[in-house]
């Protein structure tokens, strides 16, 4: 599904978020609060509906997925979509689906792209876990990098730039189960990130 007609770049996988929780989060919501949405348990400090969560940032919406009728939880305070798992163990975590960034085209005049932009810090609750996430790119002859955090007047507009380059000499370059630079590359991400944007750039390996 990742490879489009001639060329595609995608960042795949779920996003694991560290949840910033104060000591008051050990309580529980009202006994009348909904505690499950679809296949996901909704435990305090998360909650569905008024007075059922710790507050802004911990609110969960339980909506019907378009076309299927299935109930799916989403983080109400972010642009992220489906919540796959919520944990209140130490450290508390939320596992959500990360929007997939891509750039693909049939020819240079018909490009479609999405930079995978994510902003989590509007409520100060979530951080992207650097221990449980990495940047994974499926690509041919392209450099992909993330830019994160405002440098607040530094030499560059962002604090962090992290990325990798992968090549494809021909259709036999990429190998199933391998991600070492041929058709796929991956790299660790900085800790404490609250936002993410991806940039695609061509790479001429003949130079």
N, C-alpha and C. Protein backbone atom coordinates (compact mmCIF):
# COMPACT_ATOMS: atom_id res chain seq x y z
N UNK A 1 0.81 -1.21 0.00
CA UNK A 1 0.00 0.00 0.00
C UNK A 1 0.85 1.26 0.00
N UNK A 2 2.15 1.14 0.36
CA UNK A 2 2.97 2.34 0.46
C UNK A 2 3.50 2.80 -0.88
N UNK A 3 3.65 1.88 -1.83
CA UNK A 3 4.28 2.24 -3.09
C UNK A 3 3.25 2.70 -4.09
N UNK A 4 3.34 3.95 -4.52
CA UNK A 4 2.43 4.51 -5.50
C UNK A 4 2.94 4.19 -6.90
N UNK A 5 2.46 4.91 -7.89
CA UNK A 5 2.71 4.53 -9.27
C UNK A 5 4.19 4.53 -9.62
N UNK A 6 4.88 5.65 -9.39
CA UNK A 6 6.30 5.68 -9.71
C UNK A 6 7.17 5.85 -8.48
N UNK A 7 6.69 6.61 -7.55
CA UNK A 7 7.54 6.89 -6.40
C UNK A 7 6.67 7.27 -5.21
N UNK A 8 7.00 6.77 -4.07
CA UNK A 8 6.22 7.12 -2.87
C UNK A 8 7.15 7.22 -1.68
N UNK A 9 6.81 8.11 -0.78
CA UNK A 9 7.53 8.23 0.48
C UNK A 9 6.50 8.17 1.59
N UNK A 10 6.73 7.35 2.59
CA UNK A 10 5.74 7.24 3.66
C UNK A 10 6.42 7.00 4.98
N UNK A 11 5.84 7.51 6.02
CA UNK A 11 6.27 7.22 7.38
C UNK A 11 5.16 6.41 8.02
N UNK A 12 5.50 5.23 8.52
CA UNK A 12 4.46 4.30 8.93
C UNK A 12 4.48 4.05 10.43
N UNK A 13 3.43 3.39 10.91
CA UNK A 13 3.39 2.91 12.28
C UNK A 13 2.54 3.75 13.20
N UNK A 14 2.31 3.22 14.40
CA UNK A 14 1.56 3.93 15.42
C UNK A 14 2.50 4.82 16.22
N UNK A 15 1.94 5.80 16.88
CA UNK A 15 2.72 6.74 17.68
C UNK A 15 2.44 6.49 19.15
N UNK A 16 3.52 6.29 19.93
CA UNK A 16 3.38 6.11 21.37
C UNK A 16 3.69 7.43 22.06
N UNK A 17 2.74 7.93 22.85
CA UNK A 17 2.87 9.22 23.51
C UNK A 17 3.05 9.02 25.00
N UNK A 18 4.02 9.73 25.58
CA UNK A 18 4.14 9.79 27.03
C UNK A 18 3.12 10.80 27.54
N UNK A 19 2.45 10.49 28.62
CA UNK A 19 1.41 11.35 29.16
C UNK A 19 1.92 12.03 30.42
N UNK A 20 1.86 13.35 30.45
CA UNK A 20 2.30 14.11 31.61
C UNK A 20 1.15 14.17 32.61
N UNK A 21 1.32 13.50 33.74
CA UNK A 21 0.23 13.39 34.72
C UNK A 21 0.74 13.82 36.09
N UNK A 22 -0.03 14.69 36.77
CA UNK A 22 0.30 15.11 38.13
C UNK A 22 -0.19 14.09 39.15
N UNK A 23 0.14 14.33 40.40
CA UNK A 23 -0.22 13.39 41.46
C UNK A 23 -1.72 13.27 41.65
N UNK A 24 -2.47 14.31 41.26
CA UNK A 24 -3.92 14.26 41.45
C UNK A 24 -4.60 13.31 40.50
N UNK A 25 -3.85 12.73 39.56
CA UNK A 25 -4.45 11.85 38.56
C UNK A 25 -4.74 10.47 39.10
N UNK A 26 -4.47 10.21 40.36
CA UNK A 26 -4.68 8.88 40.90
C UNK A 26 -6.14 8.61 41.26
N UNK A 27 -6.98 9.63 41.14
CA UNK A 27 -8.38 9.44 41.49
C UNK A 27 -9.15 8.71 40.43
N UNK A 28 -10.46 8.86 40.44
CA UNK A 28 -11.30 8.18 39.46
C UNK A 28 -12.46 9.08 39.10
N UNK A 29 -12.96 8.91 37.89
CA UNK A 29 -14.12 9.68 37.47
C UNK A 29 -15.39 9.17 38.12
N UNK A 30 -16.48 9.76 37.75
CA UNK A 30 -17.78 9.35 38.28
C UNK A 30 -18.09 7.91 37.93
N UNK A 31 -18.83 7.24 38.82
CA UNK A 31 -19.22 5.86 38.56
C UNK A 31 -20.12 5.71 37.36
N UNK A 32 -20.70 6.80 36.88
CA UNK A 32 -21.57 6.74 35.72
C UNK A 32 -20.82 6.95 34.40
N UNK A 33 -19.50 7.14 34.48
CA UNK A 33 -18.71 7.42 33.28
C UNK A 33 -18.54 6.16 32.42
N UNK A 34 -18.53 6.35 31.12
CA UNK A 34 -18.29 5.26 30.18
C UNK A 34 -16.83 4.83 30.29
N UNK A 35 -16.57 3.53 30.43
CA UNK A 35 -15.22 3.05 30.66
C UNK A 35 -14.64 2.25 29.50
N UNK A 36 -15.36 2.21 28.38
CA UNK A 36 -14.86 1.47 27.22
C UNK A 36 -15.43 2.09 25.95
N UNK A 37 -14.60 2.14 24.91
CA UNK A 37 -15.04 2.60 23.60
C UNK A 37 -14.47 1.65 22.57
N UNK A 38 -15.31 0.93 21.88
CA UNK A 38 -14.83 -0.09 20.95
C UNK A 38 -14.05 -1.15 21.70
N UNK A 39 -12.79 -1.36 21.32
CA UNK A 39 -11.94 -2.36 21.96
C UNK A 39 -10.98 -1.75 22.98
N UNK A 40 -11.14 -0.48 23.31
CA UNK A 40 -10.18 0.22 24.17
C UNK A 40 -10.80 0.55 25.52
N UNK A 41 -10.13 0.16 26.62
CA UNK A 41 -10.55 0.54 27.96
C UNK A 41 -10.19 1.99 28.21
N UNK A 42 -11.11 2.76 28.74
CA UNK A 42 -10.90 4.17 29.03
C UNK A 42 -10.79 4.33 30.54
N UNK A 43 -9.56 4.44 31.04
CA UNK A 43 -9.30 4.51 32.47
C UNK A 43 -8.92 5.93 32.87
N UNK A 44 -9.34 6.35 34.06
CA UNK A 44 -8.97 7.66 34.59
C UNK A 44 -7.45 7.73 34.73
N UNK A 45 -6.78 8.85 34.35
CA UNK A 45 -7.31 10.20 34.16
C UNK A 45 -7.97 10.49 32.81
N UNK A 46 -7.97 9.50 31.87
CA UNK A 46 -8.72 9.67 30.64
C UNK A 46 -10.20 9.50 30.93
N UNK A 47 -11.05 10.03 30.08
CA UNK A 47 -12.47 9.88 30.31
C UNK A 47 -13.29 10.36 29.14
N UNK A 48 -14.51 9.83 29.04
CA UNK A 48 -15.46 10.20 27.98
C UNK A 48 -16.60 10.98 28.61
N UNK A 49 -16.84 12.18 28.11
CA UNK A 49 -17.97 12.96 28.60
C UNK A 49 -17.60 13.92 29.71
N UNK A 50 -18.55 14.80 30.10
CA UNK A 50 -18.31 15.83 31.12
C UNK A 50 -17.93 15.22 32.47
N UNK A 51 -16.93 15.81 33.13
CA UNK A 51 -16.52 15.43 34.48
C UNK A 51 -16.01 14.00 34.61
N UNK A 52 -15.63 13.38 33.49
CA UNK A 52 -15.15 12.00 33.55
C UNK A 52 -13.64 11.87 33.37
N UNK A 53 -12.97 12.96 32.98
CA UNK A 53 -11.53 12.93 32.81
C UNK A 53 -10.86 13.90 33.77
N UNK A 54 -9.55 13.88 33.82
CA UNK A 54 -8.79 14.80 34.68
C UNK A 54 -8.92 16.24 34.20
N UNK A 55 -9.23 16.43 32.93
CA UNK A 55 -9.38 17.78 32.40
C UNK A 55 -8.96 17.86 30.95
N UNK A 56 -8.74 19.08 30.49
CA UNK A 56 -8.38 19.31 29.09
C UNK A 56 -7.12 18.53 28.74
N UNK A 57 -7.16 17.82 27.62
CA UNK A 57 -6.04 17.01 27.19
C UNK A 57 -6.25 15.53 27.45
N UNK A 58 -7.04 15.20 28.46
CA UNK A 58 -7.32 13.81 28.79
C UNK A 58 -8.69 13.36 28.29
N UNK A 59 -9.39 14.25 27.63
CA UNK A 59 -10.74 13.93 27.16
C UNK A 59 -10.69 13.02 25.94
N UNK A 60 -11.52 12.00 25.96
CA UNK A 60 -11.61 11.05 24.86
C UNK A 60 -12.99 11.17 24.22
N UNK A 61 -13.01 11.22 22.91
CA UNK A 61 -14.27 11.18 22.19
C UNK A 61 -14.50 9.76 21.68
N UNK A 62 -15.73 9.29 21.77
CA UNK A 62 -16.08 7.95 21.30
C UNK A 62 -17.10 8.12 20.18
N UNK A 63 -16.63 7.95 18.95
CA UNK A 63 -17.46 8.21 17.79
C UNK A 63 -17.58 6.98 16.91
N UNK A 64 -18.54 7.01 16.03
CA UNK A 64 -18.74 5.93 15.08
C UNK A 64 -17.84 6.16 13.87
N UNK A 65 -17.09 5.13 13.51
CA UNK A 65 -16.23 5.23 12.34
C UNK A 65 -17.09 5.32 11.08
N UNK A 66 -16.69 6.20 10.17
CA UNK A 66 -17.46 6.40 8.95
C UNK A 66 -17.60 5.10 8.17
N UNK A 67 -18.83 4.74 7.89
CA UNK A 67 -19.11 3.60 7.03
C UNK A 67 -19.16 2.26 7.71
N UNK A 68 -18.48 2.08 8.87
CA UNK A 68 -18.41 0.76 9.49
C UNK A 68 -19.39 0.60 10.64
N UNK A 69 -19.74 1.69 11.32
CA UNK A 69 -20.61 1.60 12.49
C UNK A 69 -19.87 1.24 13.76
N UNK A 70 -18.55 0.97 13.68
CA UNK A 70 -17.77 0.62 14.86
C UNK A 70 -17.46 1.86 15.69
N UNK A 71 -17.45 1.72 17.01
CA UNK A 71 -17.07 2.82 17.89
C UNK A 71 -15.55 2.88 18.00
N UNK A 72 -14.99 4.09 17.85
CA UNK A 72 -13.55 4.27 17.95
C UNK A 72 -13.25 5.47 18.84
N UNK A 73 -12.24 5.36 19.75
CA UNK A 73 -11.86 6.50 20.60
C UNK A 73 -10.84 7.38 19.91
N UNK A 74 -10.93 8.68 20.13
CA UNK A 74 -9.95 9.63 19.63
C UNK A 74 -9.57 10.59 20.75
N UNK A 75 -8.35 11.16 20.66
CA UNK A 75 -7.93 12.19 21.61
C UNK A 75 -8.59 13.50 21.22
N UNK A 76 -9.43 14.03 22.08
CA UNK A 76 -10.23 15.20 21.73
C UNK A 76 -9.39 16.44 21.53
N UNK A 77 -8.23 16.56 22.20
CA UNK A 77 -7.46 17.81 22.20
C UNK A 77 -6.36 17.86 21.16
N UNK A 78 -6.23 16.84 20.30
CA UNK A 78 -5.16 16.83 19.31
C UNK A 78 -5.74 16.56 17.93
N UNK A 79 -4.86 16.66 16.93
CA UNK A 79 -5.28 16.37 15.56
C UNK A 79 -5.14 14.89 15.22
N UNK A 80 -4.72 14.08 16.20
CA UNK A 80 -4.54 12.66 15.95
C UNK A 80 -5.88 11.96 15.91
N UNK A 81 -5.91 10.79 15.28
CA UNK A 81 -7.18 10.10 15.11
C UNK A 81 -7.35 8.96 16.10
N UNK A 82 -7.31 7.73 15.64
CA UNK A 82 -7.75 6.60 16.45
C UNK A 82 -6.78 6.26 17.57
N UNK A 83 -7.31 6.11 18.78
CA UNK A 83 -6.54 5.65 19.93
C UNK A 83 -6.56 4.12 19.93
N UNK A 84 -5.38 3.51 19.97
CA UNK A 84 -5.30 2.06 19.99
C UNK A 84 -5.21 1.48 21.39
N UNK A 85 -4.62 2.26 22.30
CA UNK A 85 -4.44 1.75 23.66
C UNK A 85 -4.17 2.92 24.60
N UNK A 86 -4.65 2.82 25.83
CA UNK A 86 -4.37 3.80 26.87
C UNK A 86 -3.84 3.06 28.08
N UNK A 87 -2.74 3.54 28.66
CA UNK A 87 -2.16 2.89 29.83
C UNK A 87 -1.98 3.92 30.93
N UNK A 88 -2.33 3.55 32.16
CA UNK A 88 -2.13 4.44 33.31
C UNK A 88 -1.00 3.93 34.20
N UNK A 89 -0.29 2.89 33.75
CA UNK A 89 0.87 2.42 34.49
C UNK A 89 2.01 3.42 34.32
N UNK A 90 3.06 3.26 35.09
CA UNK A 90 4.19 4.19 35.02
C UNK A 90 5.20 3.71 33.97
N UNK A 91 5.53 4.56 32.97
CA UNK A 91 4.95 5.87 32.71
C UNK A 91 3.64 5.74 31.96
N UNK A 92 2.66 6.62 32.24
CA UNK A 92 1.39 6.57 31.51
C UNK A 92 1.63 6.81 30.01
N UNK A 93 0.87 6.11 29.16
CA UNK A 93 1.06 6.23 27.72
C UNK A 93 -0.26 6.14 26.98
N UNK A 94 -0.28 6.77 25.81
CA UNK A 94 -1.38 6.62 24.86
C UNK A 94 -0.78 6.19 23.54
N UNK A 95 -1.34 5.17 22.94
CA UNK A 95 -0.89 4.70 21.63
C UNK A 95 -1.94 5.11 20.60
N UNK A 96 -1.53 5.95 19.66
CA UNK A 96 -2.46 6.47 18.66
C UNK A 96 -1.87 6.28 17.28
N UNK A 97 -2.72 6.39 16.26
CA UNK A 97 -2.26 6.28 14.89
C UNK A 97 -1.69 7.62 14.42
N UNK A 98 -0.46 7.59 13.94
CA UNK A 98 0.20 8.78 13.43
C UNK A 98 -0.19 9.00 11.96
N UNK A 99 -0.60 10.21 11.59
CA UNK A 99 -0.88 10.47 10.18
C UNK A 99 0.33 10.12 9.31
N UNK A 100 0.11 9.42 8.22
CA UNK A 100 1.19 8.98 7.35
C UNK A 100 1.57 10.10 6.39
N UNK A 101 2.84 10.46 6.39
CA UNK A 101 3.33 11.48 5.45
C UNK A 101 3.69 10.79 4.13
N UNK A 102 3.44 11.46 3.02
CA UNK A 102 3.71 10.85 1.73
C UNK A 102 3.98 11.91 0.67
N UNK A 103 4.67 11.47 -0.38
CA UNK A 103 4.83 12.27 -1.58
C UNK A 103 4.86 11.30 -2.75
N UNK A 104 3.95 11.45 -3.68
CA UNK A 104 3.87 10.50 -4.78
C UNK A 104 3.38 11.20 -6.03
N UNK A 105 3.69 10.63 -7.18
CA UNK A 105 3.26 11.24 -8.42
C UNK A 105 3.36 10.26 -9.58
N UNK A 106 2.54 10.50 -10.60
CA UNK A 106 2.65 9.80 -11.87
C UNK A 106 3.69 10.48 -12.76
N UNK A 107 3.73 11.79 -12.67
CA UNK A 107 4.73 12.60 -13.36
C UNK A 107 4.90 13.89 -12.55
N UNK A 108 5.96 14.67 -12.82
CA UNK A 108 6.24 15.84 -11.97
C UNK A 108 5.12 16.88 -11.92
N UNK A 109 4.17 16.83 -12.83
CA UNK A 109 3.09 17.82 -12.83
C UNK A 109 1.88 17.36 -12.04
N UNK A 110 1.92 16.13 -11.50
CA UNK A 110 0.77 15.59 -10.79
C UNK A 110 1.20 15.05 -9.43
N UNK A 111 1.79 15.90 -8.64
CA UNK A 111 2.31 15.49 -7.33
C UNK A 111 1.23 15.59 -6.26
N UNK A 112 1.18 14.59 -5.39
CA UNK A 112 0.33 14.62 -4.21
C UNK A 112 1.23 14.42 -3.00
N UNK A 113 1.03 15.24 -1.97
CA UNK A 113 1.90 15.09 -0.81
C UNK A 113 1.19 15.56 0.46
N UNK A 114 1.68 15.05 1.59
CA UNK A 114 1.20 15.43 2.92
C UNK A 114 2.39 15.33 3.86
N UNK A 115 2.66 16.37 4.65
CA UNK A 115 3.88 16.42 5.46
C UNK A 115 3.73 15.79 6.85
N UNK A 116 2.58 15.17 7.13
CA UNK A 116 2.42 14.45 8.40
C UNK A 116 2.46 15.33 9.63
N UNK A 117 2.07 16.59 9.49
CA UNK A 117 2.19 17.54 10.60
C UNK A 117 1.35 17.12 11.80
N UNK A 118 1.97 17.14 12.98
CA UNK A 118 1.30 16.79 14.23
C UNK A 118 1.68 17.83 15.28
N UNK A 119 0.70 18.36 16.00
CA UNK A 119 0.94 19.31 17.09
C UNK A 119 0.26 18.78 18.35
N UNK A 120 1.07 18.49 19.38
CA UNK A 120 0.53 17.85 20.59
C UNK A 120 0.50 18.76 21.81
N UNK A 121 1.23 19.87 21.79
CA UNK A 121 1.46 20.60 23.03
C UNK A 121 0.44 21.70 23.32
N UNK A 122 -0.70 21.69 22.66
CA UNK A 122 -1.71 22.72 22.93
C UNK A 122 -2.21 22.64 24.35
N UNK A 123 -2.18 21.45 24.95
CA UNK A 123 -2.65 21.28 26.32
C UNK A 123 -1.52 20.93 27.28
N UNK A 124 -0.31 20.72 26.78
CA UNK A 124 0.83 20.39 27.64
C UNK A 124 0.78 19.00 28.23
N UNK A 125 0.01 18.09 27.65
CA UNK A 125 -0.19 16.76 28.22
C UNK A 125 0.71 15.70 27.60
N UNK A 126 0.94 15.76 26.29
CA UNK A 126 1.57 14.66 25.58
C UNK A 126 2.97 15.00 25.09
N UNK A 127 3.84 13.98 25.08
CA UNK A 127 5.16 14.04 24.47
C UNK A 127 5.34 12.79 23.62
N UNK A 128 6.04 12.91 22.49
CA UNK A 128 6.32 11.74 21.66
C UNK A 128 7.44 10.94 22.31
N UNK A 129 7.22 9.67 22.57
CA UNK A 129 8.22 8.83 23.22
C UNK A 129 9.36 8.53 22.26
N UNK A 130 10.59 8.95 22.60
CA UNK A 130 11.74 8.66 21.74
C UNK A 130 12.23 7.23 21.94
N UNK A 131 11.91 6.60 23.06
CA UNK A 131 12.33 5.22 23.32
C UNK A 131 11.49 4.21 22.55
N UNK A 132 10.24 4.56 22.27
CA UNK A 132 9.32 3.59 21.67
C UNK A 132 8.88 3.98 20.27
N UNK A 133 9.45 5.05 19.72
CA UNK A 133 9.16 5.46 18.35
C UNK A 133 10.45 5.69 17.58
N UNK A 134 10.38 5.59 16.27
CA UNK A 134 11.47 6.00 15.41
C UNK A 134 10.88 6.45 14.07
N UNK A 135 11.67 7.20 13.32
CA UNK A 135 11.26 7.61 11.99
C UNK A 135 11.55 6.47 11.02
N UNK A 136 10.53 5.98 10.34
CA UNK A 136 10.68 4.90 9.36
C UNK A 136 10.20 5.41 8.02
N UNK A 137 11.05 5.27 6.99
CA UNK A 137 10.76 5.83 5.68
C UNK A 137 10.88 4.75 4.62
N UNK A 138 9.86 4.63 3.77
CA UNK A 138 9.88 3.76 2.60
C UNK A 138 10.06 4.66 1.39
N UNK A 139 11.18 4.51 0.67
CA UNK A 139 11.56 5.55 -0.27
C UNK A 139 12.55 5.05 -1.30
N UNK A 140 12.61 5.73 -2.44
CA UNK A 140 13.67 5.51 -3.42
C UNK A 140 14.35 6.84 -3.73
N UNK A 141 15.69 6.89 -3.55
CA UNK A 141 16.53 8.01 -3.95
C UNK A 141 16.00 9.35 -3.43
N UNK A 142 15.67 9.38 -2.16
CA UNK A 142 15.10 10.58 -1.54
C UNK A 142 15.61 10.71 -0.11
N UNK A 143 15.79 11.95 0.32
CA UNK A 143 16.10 12.26 1.70
C UNK A 143 14.83 12.74 2.38
N UNK A 144 14.55 12.23 3.57
CA UNK A 144 13.39 12.65 4.35
C UNK A 144 13.88 13.04 5.75
N UNK A 145 13.44 14.19 6.24
CA UNK A 145 13.84 14.58 7.59
C UNK A 145 12.67 15.25 8.32
N UNK A 146 12.72 15.17 9.62
CA UNK A 146 11.73 15.83 10.47
C UNK A 146 12.30 17.15 10.95
N UNK A 147 11.42 18.09 11.21
CA UNK A 147 11.83 19.34 11.85
C UNK A 147 10.88 19.57 13.02
N UNK A 148 11.46 19.82 14.18
CA UNK A 148 10.66 19.84 15.41
C UNK A 148 11.11 20.97 16.33
N UNK A 149 10.15 21.58 17.00
CA UNK A 149 10.44 22.55 18.04
C UNK A 149 10.88 23.91 17.53
N UNK A 150 10.37 24.96 18.13
CA UNK A 150 10.73 26.32 17.78
C UNK A 150 12.05 26.70 18.44
N UNK A 151 13.03 27.18 17.65
CA UNK A 151 14.34 27.52 18.21
C UNK A 151 14.35 28.87 18.90
N UNK A 152 13.28 29.65 18.77
CA UNK A 152 13.12 30.93 19.45
C UNK A 152 14.32 31.86 19.20
N UNK A 153 14.58 32.13 17.92
CA UNK A 153 15.61 33.08 17.57
C UNK A 153 16.97 32.48 17.29
N UNK A 154 17.09 31.16 17.22
CA UNK A 154 18.37 30.54 16.92
C UNK A 154 18.72 30.67 15.44
N UNK A 155 19.85 30.08 15.08
CA UNK A 155 20.32 30.15 13.69
C UNK A 155 19.33 29.52 12.74
N UNK A 156 18.69 28.42 13.15
CA UNK A 156 17.70 27.73 12.34
C UNK A 156 16.33 27.86 13.00
N UNK A 157 15.25 27.81 12.23
CA UNK A 157 13.92 28.02 12.81
C UNK A 157 13.45 26.88 13.71
N UNK A 158 14.04 25.67 13.58
CA UNK A 158 13.63 24.54 14.41
C UNK A 158 14.80 24.06 15.28
N UNK A 159 14.48 23.45 16.42
CA UNK A 159 15.51 22.95 17.33
C UNK A 159 16.16 21.68 16.82
N UNK A 160 15.37 20.79 16.20
CA UNK A 160 15.86 19.48 15.81
C UNK A 160 15.58 19.22 14.33
N UNK A 161 16.58 18.64 13.68
CA UNK A 161 16.42 18.14 12.32
C UNK A 161 16.99 16.72 12.30
N UNK A 162 16.17 15.74 12.00
CA UNK A 162 16.58 14.35 12.05
C UNK A 162 16.03 13.63 10.83
N UNK A 163 16.85 12.86 10.12
CA UNK A 163 16.34 12.19 8.94
C UNK A 163 17.28 11.14 8.41
N UNK A 164 16.94 10.60 7.24
CA UNK A 164 17.76 9.57 6.61
C UNK A 164 17.54 9.57 5.10
N UNK A 165 18.44 8.88 4.40
CA UNK A 165 18.40 8.78 2.94
C UNK A 165 18.35 7.31 2.56
N UNK A 166 17.52 6.97 1.58
CA UNK A 166 17.48 5.60 1.05
C UNK A 166 17.53 5.66 -0.48
N UNK A 167 18.07 4.63 -1.06
CA UNK A 167 18.19 4.58 -2.52
C UNK A 167 17.57 3.31 -3.06
N UNK A 168 17.32 3.32 -4.36
CA UNK A 168 16.91 2.12 -5.09
C UNK A 168 17.68 2.12 -6.41
N UNK A 169 18.62 1.23 -6.55
CA UNK A 169 19.36 1.13 -7.81
C UNK A 169 18.46 0.62 -8.92
N UNK A 170 17.59 -0.32 -8.54
CA UNK A 170 16.54 -0.82 -9.44
C UNK A 170 15.51 -1.51 -8.57
N UNK A 171 14.55 -2.17 -9.18
CA UNK A 171 13.45 -2.78 -8.43
C UNK A 171 13.91 -3.89 -7.50
N UNK A 172 15.14 -4.37 -7.65
CA UNK A 172 15.65 -5.46 -6.81
C UNK A 172 16.39 -4.94 -5.59
N UNK A 173 16.56 -3.63 -5.48
CA UNK A 173 17.34 -3.07 -4.37
C UNK A 173 16.68 -3.32 -3.02
N UNK A 174 15.40 -3.00 -2.92
CA UNK A 174 14.69 -3.17 -1.65
C UNK A 174 14.48 -4.64 -1.34
N UNK A 175 14.59 -5.01 -0.07
CA UNK A 175 14.42 -6.39 0.36
C UNK A 175 13.40 -6.47 1.47
N UNK A 176 12.51 -7.43 1.40
CA UNK A 176 11.53 -7.64 2.45
C UNK A 176 12.24 -7.92 3.77
N UNK A 177 11.75 -7.28 4.83
CA UNK A 177 12.31 -7.51 6.15
C UNK A 177 13.59 -6.75 6.45
N UNK A 178 14.06 -5.96 5.49
CA UNK A 178 15.26 -5.17 5.68
C UNK A 178 14.93 -3.68 5.64
N UNK A 179 15.61 -2.88 6.47
CA UNK A 179 15.44 -1.43 6.44
C UNK A 179 16.79 -0.81 6.75
N UNK A 180 17.71 -0.93 5.78
CA UNK A 180 19.09 -0.51 6.00
C UNK A 180 19.58 0.43 4.91
N UNK A 181 18.65 1.17 4.27
CA UNK A 181 19.06 2.15 3.29
C UNK A 181 18.68 1.85 1.87
N UNK A 182 18.32 0.62 1.56
CA UNK A 182 17.90 0.25 0.21
C UNK A 182 16.38 0.14 0.19
N UNK A 183 15.73 1.21 -0.26
CA UNK A 183 14.27 1.23 -0.30
C UNK A 183 13.61 1.52 1.03
N UNK A 184 14.39 1.56 2.10
CA UNK A 184 13.86 1.82 3.44
C UNK A 184 14.99 2.30 4.33
N UNK A 185 14.69 3.28 5.18
CA UNK A 185 15.67 3.72 6.17
C UNK A 185 14.95 4.10 7.45
N UNK A 186 15.67 4.10 8.56
CA UNK A 186 15.06 4.48 9.83
C UNK A 186 16.10 5.16 10.70
N UNK A 187 15.63 5.99 11.63
CA UNK A 187 16.53 6.74 12.50
C UNK A 187 15.80 7.05 13.81
N UNK A 188 16.57 7.10 14.91
CA UNK A 188 16.00 7.49 16.20
C UNK A 188 15.56 8.96 16.16
N UNK A 189 14.63 9.31 17.05
CA UNK A 189 14.15 10.69 17.13
C UNK A 189 14.58 11.30 18.45
N UNK A 190 14.68 12.64 18.54
CA UNK A 190 15.04 13.29 19.80
C UNK A 190 13.96 13.08 20.87
N UNK A 191 14.32 13.22 22.12
CA UNK A 191 13.37 13.09 23.21
C UNK A 191 12.59 14.37 23.45
N UNK A 192 11.41 14.24 24.04
CA UNK A 192 10.62 15.38 24.47
C UNK A 192 9.89 16.12 23.38
N UNK A 193 9.76 15.55 22.19
CA UNK A 193 9.10 16.24 21.09
C UNK A 193 7.60 16.36 21.33
N UNK A 194 7.05 17.50 20.96
CA UNK A 194 5.60 17.70 21.05
C UNK A 194 5.00 18.02 19.69
N UNK A 195 5.82 18.05 18.65
CA UNK A 195 5.32 18.34 17.31
C UNK A 195 6.19 17.62 16.28
N UNK A 196 5.69 17.52 15.07
CA UNK A 196 6.44 16.83 14.03
C UNK A 196 5.96 17.30 12.65
N UNK A 197 6.91 17.60 11.78
CA UNK A 197 6.64 17.90 10.38
C UNK A 197 7.73 17.26 9.55
N UNK A 198 7.36 16.64 8.41
CA UNK A 198 8.32 15.96 7.56
C UNK A 198 8.59 16.74 6.28
N UNK A 199 9.83 16.66 5.82
CA UNK A 199 10.24 17.33 4.59
C UNK A 199 10.83 16.29 3.65
N UNK A 200 10.42 16.32 2.39
CA UNK A 200 10.94 15.43 1.36
C UNK A 200 11.88 16.19 0.44
N UNK A 201 13.01 15.60 0.11
CA UNK A 201 13.96 16.25 -0.79
C UNK A 201 14.60 15.20 -1.68
N UNK A 202 14.80 15.54 -2.95
CA UNK A 202 15.41 14.59 -3.87
C UNK A 202 16.88 14.42 -3.54
N UNK A 203 17.46 13.29 -3.97
CA UNK A 203 18.85 12.99 -3.71
C UNK A 203 19.46 12.41 -4.97
N UNK A 204 20.43 13.11 -5.54
CA UNK A 204 21.10 12.65 -6.75
C UNK A 204 22.38 11.92 -6.35
N UNK A 205 22.35 10.60 -6.38
CA UNK A 205 23.51 9.83 -5.90
C UNK A 205 24.60 9.71 -6.95
N UNK A 206 24.45 10.33 -8.12
CA UNK A 206 25.50 10.30 -9.13
C UNK A 206 26.56 11.36 -8.87
N UNK A 207 26.29 12.30 -7.94
CA UNK A 207 27.25 13.37 -7.65
C UNK A 207 28.27 12.92 -6.62
